[in-house]
Amino acid sequence: MDWYNAILFICMSLVVLILAWGLITMARGGEYNKSKSNLIMRYRIVFQALAILIFVSLLLFKRYFNG
């Protein structure tokens, strides 16, 4: 596995873990859900944006330096 594939796998795994955290929190309900649901949603959006930026950067890097 190349290093850029490993980075992409880590980024996608983090997004999936944060999404699962939010879904579990929402399913359980309660006070924790009320106080933390928006924060978890923000984390997910930020990590998705970072994953997309890393993905595009790696595509450009691969195109110009390895292709």
PDB file of N, CA and C in Angstrom:
ATOM      1  N   MET A   1       0.856  -1.180   0.000  1.00  0.00           N
ATOM      2  CA  MET A   1       0.000   0.000   0.000  1.00  0.00           C
ATOM      3  C   MET A   1       0.898   1.238   0.000  1.00  0.00           C
ATOM      4  N   ASP A   2       0.593   2.153  -0.875  1.00  0.00           N
ATOM      5  CA  ASP A   2       1.350   3.389  -0.950  1.00  0.00           C
ATOM      6  C   ASP A   2       0.991   4.292   0.218  1.00  0.00           C
ATOM      7  N   TRP A   3       1.852   5.266   0.478  1.00  0.00           N
ATOM      8  CA  TRP A   3       1.614   6.155   1.614  1.00  0.00           C
ATOM      9  C   TRP A   3       0.373   7.015   1.400  1.00  0.00           C
ATOM     10  N   TYR A   4       0.067   7.404   0.174  1.00  0.00           N
ATOM     11  CA  TYR A   4      -1.125   8.228  -0.040  1.00  0.00           C
ATOM     12  C   TYR A   4      -2.401   7.427   0.134  1.00  0.00           C
ATOM     13  N   ASN A   5      -2.366   6.140  -0.160  1.00  0.00           N
ATOM     14  CA  ASN A   5      -3.537   5.302   0.116  1.00  0.00           C
ATOM     15  C   ASN A   5      -3.752   5.156   1.616  1.00  0.00           C
ATOM     16  N   ALA A   6      -2.671   5.057   2.363  1.00  0.00           N
ATOM     17  CA  ALA A   6      -2.777   4.960   3.821  1.00  0.00           C
ATOM     18  C   ALA A   6      -3.366   6.246   4.401  1.00  0.00           C
ATOM     19  N   ILE A   7      -2.941   7.379   3.900  1.00  0.00           N
ATOM     20  CA  ILE A   7      -3.479   8.659   4.374  1.00  0.00           C
ATOM     21  C   ILE A   7      -4.964   8.764   4.062  1.00  0.00           C
ATOM     22  N   LEU A   8      -5.362   8.371   2.850  1.00  0.00           N
ATOM     23  CA  LEU A   8      -6.778   8.407   2.497  1.00  0.00           C
ATOM     24  C   LEU A   8      -7.602   7.467   3.374  1.00  0.00           C
ATOM     25  N   PHE A   9      -7.070   6.295   3.644  1.00  0.00           N
ATOM     26  CA  PHE A   9      -7.769   5.346   4.510  1.00  0.00           C
ATOM     27  C   PHE A   9      -7.951   5.907   5.914  1.00  0.00           C
ATOM     28  N   ILE A  10      -6.939   6.551   6.449  1.00  0.00           N
ATOM     29  CA  ILE A  10      -7.035   7.152   7.784  1.00  0.00           C
ATOM     30  C   ILE A  10      -8.076   8.263   7.797  1.00  0.00           C
ATOM     31  N   CYS A  11      -8.069   9.115   6.781  1.00  0.00           N
ATOM     32  CA  CYS A  11      -9.046  10.216   6.710  1.00  0.00           C
ATOM     33  C   CYS A  11     -10.472   9.683   6.631  1.00  0.00           C
ATOM     34  N   MET A  12     -10.685   8.702   5.778  1.00  0.00           N
ATOM     35  CA  MET A  12     -12.036   8.140   5.641  1.00  0.00           C
ATOM     36  C   MET A  12     -12.467   7.422   6.917  1.00  0.00           C
ATOM     37  N   SER A  13     -11.537   6.755   7.572  1.00  0.00           N
ATOM     38  CA  SER A  13     -11.866   6.068   8.824  1.00  0.00           C
ATOM     39  C   SER A  13     -12.274   7.057   9.902  1.00  0.00           C
ATOM     40  N   LEU A  14     -11.575   8.181   9.982  1.00  0.00           N
ATOM     41  CA  LEU A  14     -11.941   9.199  10.969  1.00  0.00           C
ATOM     42  C   LEU A  14     -13.341   9.749  10.715  1.00  0.00           C
ATOM     43  N   VAL A  15     -13.660   9.995   9.463  1.00  0.00           N
ATOM     44  CA  VAL A  15     -14.994  10.500   9.134  1.00  0.00           C
ATOM     45  C   VAL A  15     -16.063   9.470   9.506  1.00  0.00           C
ATOM     46  N   VAL A  16     -15.819   8.206   9.206  1.00  0.00           N
ATOM     47  CA  VAL A  16     -16.782   7.158   9.533  1.00  0.00           C
ATOM     48  C   VAL A  16     -16.939   7.016  11.046  1.00  0.00           C
ATOM     49  N   LEU A  17     -15.845   7.101  11.784  1.00  0.00           N
ATOM     50  CA  LEU A  17     -15.926   7.002  13.245  1.00  0.00           C
ATOM     51  C   LEU A  17     -16.711   8.163  13.852  1.00  0.00           C
ATOM     52  N   ILE A  18     -16.486   9.361  13.344  1.00  0.00           N
ATOM     53  CA  ILE A  18     -17.235  10.518  13.855  1.00  0.00           C
ATOM     54  C   ILE A  18     -18.706  10.398  13.491  1.00  0.00           C
ATOM     55  N   LEU A  19     -19.005   9.915  12.295  1.00  0.00           N
ATOM     56  CA  LEU A  19     -20.391   9.701  11.900  1.00  0.00           C
ATOM     57  C   LEU A  19     -21.054   8.667  12.799  1.00  0.00           C
ATOM     58  N   ALA A  20     -20.360   7.579  13.100  1.00  0.00           N
ATOM     59  CA  ALA A  20     -20.900   6.549  13.985  1.00  0.00           C
ATOM     60  C   ALA A  20     -21.115   7.106  15.385  1.00  0.00           C
ATOM     61  N   TRP A  21     -20.186   7.928  15.856  1.00  0.00           N
ATOM     62  CA  TRP A  21     -20.331   8.568  17.169  1.00  0.00           C
ATOM     63  C   TRP A  21     -21.609   9.408  17.212  1.00  0.00           C
ATOM     64  N   GLY A  22     -21.847  10.180  16.166  1.00  0.00           N
ATOM     65  CA  GLY A  22     -23.048  11.004  16.115  1.00  0.00           C
ATOM     66  C   GLY A  22     -24.317  10.172  16.040  1.00  0.00           C
ATOM     67  N   LEU A  23     -24.292   9.097  15.249  1.00  0.00           N
ATOM     68  CA  LEU A  23     -25.477   8.243  15.146  1.00  0.00           C
ATOM     69  C   LEU A  23     -25.791   7.531  16.459  1.00  0.00           C
ATOM     70  N   ILE A  24     -24.767   7.048  17.136  1.00  0.00           N
ATOM     71  CA  ILE A  24     -24.974   6.384  18.426  1.00  0.00           C
ATOM     72  C   ILE A  24     -25.499   7.375  19.448  1.00  0.00           C
ATOM     73  N   THR A  25     -24.943   8.574  19.450  1.00  0.00           N
ATOM     74  CA  THR A  25     -25.403   9.610  20.376  1.00  0.00           C
ATOM     75  C   THR A  25     -26.858   9.960  20.114  1.00  0.00           C
ATOM     76  N   MET A  26     -27.220  10.095  18.838  1.00  0.00           N
ATOM     77  CA  MET A  26     -28.595  10.438  18.485  1.00  0.00           C
ATOM     78  C   MET A  26     -29.547   9.303  18.854  1.00  0.00           C
ATOM     79  N   ALA A  27     -29.125   8.068  18.651  1.00  0.00           N
ATOM     80  CA  ALA A  27     -29.982   6.929  18.957  1.00  0.00           C
ATOM     81  C   ALA A  27     -30.224   6.779  20.457  1.00  0.00           C
ATOM     82  N   ARG A  28     -29.232   7.107  21.254  1.00  0.00           N
ATOM     83  CA  ARG A  28     -29.377   6.991  22.707  1.00  0.00           C
ATOM     84  C   ARG A  28     -30.238   8.111  23.281  1.00  0.00           C
ATOM     85  N   GLY A  29     -30.158   9.278  22.661  1.00  0.00           N
ATOM     86  CA  GLY A  29     -30.947  10.406  23.141  1.00  0.00           C
ATOM     87  C   GLY A  29     -30.420  10.927  24.465  1.00  0.00           C
ATOM     88  N   GLY A  30     -31.263  11.601  25.185  1.00  0.00           N
ATOM     89  CA  GLY A  30     -30.892  12.083  26.506  1.00  0.00           C
ATOM     90  C   GLY A  30     -30.211  13.434  26.487  1.00  0.00           C
ATOM     91  N   GLU A  31     -29.682  13.791  27.635  1.00  0.00           N
ATOM     92  CA  GLU A  31     -29.063  15.099  27.817  1.00  0.00           C
ATOM     93  C   GLU A  31     -27.770  15.237  27.000  1.00  0.00           C
ATOM     94  N   TYR A  32     -26.995  14.162  26.931  1.00  0.00           N
ATOM     95  CA  TYR A  32     -25.747  14.220  26.157  1.00  0.00           C
ATOM     96  C   TYR A  32     -26.038  14.521  24.696  1.00  0.00           C
ATOM     97  N   ASN A  33     -27.073  13.927  24.140  1.00  0.00           N
ATOM     98  CA  ASN A  33     -27.444  14.187  22.758  1.00  0.00           C
ATOM     99  C   ASN A  33     -27.824  15.643  22.570  1.00  0.00           C
ATOM    100  N   LYS A  34     -28.592  16.181  23.489  1.00  0.00           N
ATOM    101  CA  LYS A  34     -29.026  17.575  23.372  1.00  0.00           C
ATOM    102  C   LYS A  34     -27.851  18.540  23.434  1.00  0.00           C
ATOM    103  N   SER A  35     -26.874  18.240  24.276  1.00  0.00           N
ATOM    104  CA  SER A  35     -25.778  19.183  24.471  1.00  0.00           C
ATOM    105  C   SER A  35     -24.635  18.993  23.463  1.00  0.00           C
ATOM    106  N   LYS A  36     -24.492  17.809  22.891  1.00  0.00           N
ATOM    107  CA  LYS A  36     -23.326  17.539  22.046  1.00  0.00           C
ATOM    108  C   LYS A  36     -23.638  17.273  20.575  1.00  0.00           C
ATOM    109  N   SER A  37     -24.888  17.170  20.171  1.00  0.00           N
ATOM    110  CA  SER A  37     -25.195  16.778  18.789  1.00  0.00           C
ATOM    111  C   SER A  37     -24.679  17.798  17.771  1.00  0.00           C
ATOM    112  N   ASN A  38     -24.827  19.083  18.046  1.00  0.00           N
ATOM    113  CA  ASN A  38     -24.332  20.092  17.102  1.00  0.00           C
ATOM    114  C   ASN A  38     -22.816  20.090  17.030  1.00  0.00           C
ATOM    115  N   LEU A  39     -22.161  19.871  18.153  1.00  0.00           N
ATOM    116  CA  LEU A  39     -20.706  19.819  18.164  1.00  0.00           C
ATOM    117  C   LEU A  39     -20.191  18.634  17.353  1.00  0.00           C
ATOM    118  N   ILE A  40     -20.826  17.483  17.509  1.00  0.00           N
ATOM    119  CA  ILE A  40     -20.423  16.302  16.749  1.00  0.00           C
ATOM    120  C   ILE A  40     -20.653  16.526  15.261  1.00  0.00           C
ATOM    121  N   MET A  41     -21.753  17.182  14.900  1.00  0.00           N
ATOM    122  CA  MET A  41     -22.029  17.488  13.499  1.00  0.00           C
ATOM    123  C   MET A  41     -20.954  18.409  12.932  1.00  0.00           C
ATOM    124  N   ARG A  42     -20.517  19.380  13.705  1.00  0.00           N
ATOM    125  CA  ARG A  42     -19.447  20.277  13.245  1.00  0.00           C
ATOM    126  C   ARG A  42     -18.146  19.516  13.045  1.00  0.00           C
ATOM    127  N   TYR A  43     -17.822  18.618  13.976  1.00  0.00           N
ATOM    128  CA  TYR A  43     -16.623  17.784  13.824  1.00  0.00           C
ATOM    129  C   TYR A  43     -16.688  17.002  12.517  1.00  0.00           C
ATOM    130  N   ARG A  44     -17.841  16.404  12.239  1.00  0.00           N
ATOM    131  CA  ARG A  44     -17.992  15.604  11.032  1.00  0.00           C
ATOM    132  C   ARG A  44     -17.796  16.454   9.780  1.00  0.00           C
ATOM    133  N   ILE A  45     -18.372  17.631   9.768  1.00  0.00           N
ATOM    134  CA  ILE A  45     -18.249  18.509   8.604  1.00  0.00           C
ATOM    135  C   ILE A  45     -16.803  18.948   8.408  1.00  0.00           C
ATOM    136  N   VAL A  46     -16.125  19.297   9.490  1.00  0.00           N
ATOM    137  CA  VAL A  46     -14.723  19.717   9.391  1.00  0.00           C
ATOM    138  C   VAL A  46     -13.851  18.574   8.900  1.00  0.00           C
ATOM    139  N   PHE A  47     -14.039  17.375   9.450  1.00  0.00           N
ATOM    140  CA  PHE A  47     -13.221  16.252   9.024  1.00  0.00           C
ATOM    141  C   PHE A  47     -13.533  15.817   7.597  1.00  0.00           C
ATOM    142  N   GLN A  48     -14.772  15.945   7.168  1.00  0.00           N
ATOM    143  CA  GLN A  48     -15.096  15.648   5.773  1.00  0.00           C
ATOM    144  C   GLN A  48     -14.421  16.650   4.844  1.00  0.00           C
ATOM    145  N   ALA A  49     -14.446  17.920   5.211  1.00  0.00           N
ATOM    146  CA  ALA A  49     -13.790  18.937   4.384  1.00  0.00           C
ATOM    147  C   ALA A  49     -12.288  18.680   4.319  1.00  0.00           C
ATOM    148  N   LEU A  50     -11.682  18.349   5.451  1.00  0.00           N
ATOM    149  CA  LEU A  50     -10.253  18.036   5.448  1.00  0.00           C
ATOM    150  C   LEU A  50      -9.949  16.803   4.600  1.00  0.00           C
ATOM    151  N   ALA A  51     -10.803  15.797   4.689  1.00  0.00           N
ATOM    152  CA  ALA A  51     -10.592  14.582   3.894  1.00  0.00           C
ATOM    153  C   ALA A  51     -10.678  14.901   2.405  1.00  0.00           C
ATOM    154  N   ILE A  52     -11.611  15.740   2.013  1.00  0.00           N
ATOM    155  CA  ILE A  52     -11.730  16.118   0.599  1.00  0.00           C
ATOM    156  C   ILE A  52     -10.519  16.925   0.152  1.00  0.00           C
ATOM    157  N   LEU A  53     -10.064  17.856   0.987  1.00  0.00           N
ATOM    158  CA  LEU A  53      -8.874  18.638   0.642  1.00  0.00           C
ATOM    159  C   LEU A  53      -7.641  17.749   0.521  1.00  0.00           C
ATOM    160  N   ILE A  54      -7.491  16.812   1.427  1.00  0.00           N
ATOM    161  CA  ILE A  54      -6.359  15.890   1.361  1.00  0.00           C
ATOM    162  C   ILE A  54      -6.462  15.024   0.114  1.00  0.00           C
ATOM    163  N   PHE A  55      -7.665  14.561  -0.192  1.00  0.00           N
ATOM    164  CA  PHE A  55      -7.876  13.741  -1.392  1.00  0.00           C
ATOM    165  C   PHE A  55      -7.481  14.499  -2.655  1.00  0.00           C
ATOM    166  N   VAL A  56      -7.950  15.730  -2.790  1.00  0.00           N
ATOM    167  CA  VAL A  56      -7.627  16.535  -3.970  1.00  0.00           C
ATOM    168  C   VAL A  56      -6.129  16.829  -4.017  1.00  0.00           C
ATOM    169  N   SER A  57      -5.536  17.142  -2.876  1.00  0.00           N
ATOM    170  CA  SER A  57      -4.103  17.412  -2.833  1.00  0.00           C
ATOM    171  C   SER A  57      -3.291  16.194  -3.254  1.00  0.00           C
ATOM    172  N   LEU A  58      -3.695  15.025  -2.777  1.00  0.00           N
ATOM    173  CA  LEU A  58      -2.978  13.808  -3.155  1.00  0.00           C
ATOM    174  C   LEU A  58      -3.159  13.480  -4.634  1.00  0.00           C
ATOM    175  N   LEU A  59      -4.339  13.746  -5.163  1.00  0.00           N
ATOM    176  CA  LEU A  59      -4.542  13.547  -6.604  1.00  0.00           C
ATOM    177  C   LEU A  59      -3.638  14.458  -7.426  1.00  0.00           C
ATOM    178  N   LEU A  60      -3.559  15.723  -7.021  1.00  0.00           N
ATOM    179  CA  LEU A  60      -2.688  16.656  -7.736  1.00  0.00           C
ATOM    180  C   LEU A  60      -1.225  16.265  -7.589  1.00  0.00           C
ATOM    181  N   PHE A  61      -0.838  15.856  -6.386  1.00  0.00           N
ATOM    182  CA  PHE A  61       0.547  15.438  -6.159  1.00  0.00           C
ATOM    183  C   PHE A  61       0.889  14.229  -7.031  1.00  0.00           C
ATOM    184  N   LYS A  62      -0.014  13.262  -7.049  1.00  0.00           N
ATOM    185  CA  LYS A  62       0.217  12.054  -7.841  1.00  0.00           C
ATOM    186  C   LYS A  62       0.269  12.383  -9.337  1.00  0.00           C
ATOM    187  N   ARG A  63      -0.560  13.314  -9.748  1.00  0.00           N
ATOM    188  CA  ARG A  63      -0.607  13.677 -11.172  1.00  0.00           C
ATOM    189  C   ARG A  63       0.680  14.377 -11.620  1.00  0.00           C
ATOM    190  N   TYR A  64       1.187  15.290 -10.797  1.00  0.00           N
ATOM    191  CA  TYR A  64       2.328  16.090 -11.229  1.00  0.00           C
ATOM    192  C   TYR A  64       3.693  15.489 -10.877  1.00  0.00           C
ATOM    193  N   PHE A  65       3.756  14.656  -9.856  1.00  0.00           N
ATOM    194  CA  PHE A  65       5.055  14.153  -9.443  1.00  0.00           C
ATOM    195  C   PHE A  65       5.251  12.651  -9.664  1.00  0.00           C
ATOM    196  N   ASN A  66       4.186  11.911  -9.849  1.00  0.00           N
ATOM    197  CA  ASN A  66       4.331  10.470 -10.038  1.00  0.00           C
ATOM    198  C   ASN A  66       3.784   9.998 -11.376  1.00  0.00           C
ATOM    199  N   GLY A  67       3.286  10.888 -12.183  1.00  0.00           N
ATOM    200  CA  GLY A  67       2.632  10.427 -13.385  1.00  0.00           C
ATOM    201  C   GLY A  67       3.349  10.831 -14.605  1.00  0.00           C
TER     202      GLY A  67
END
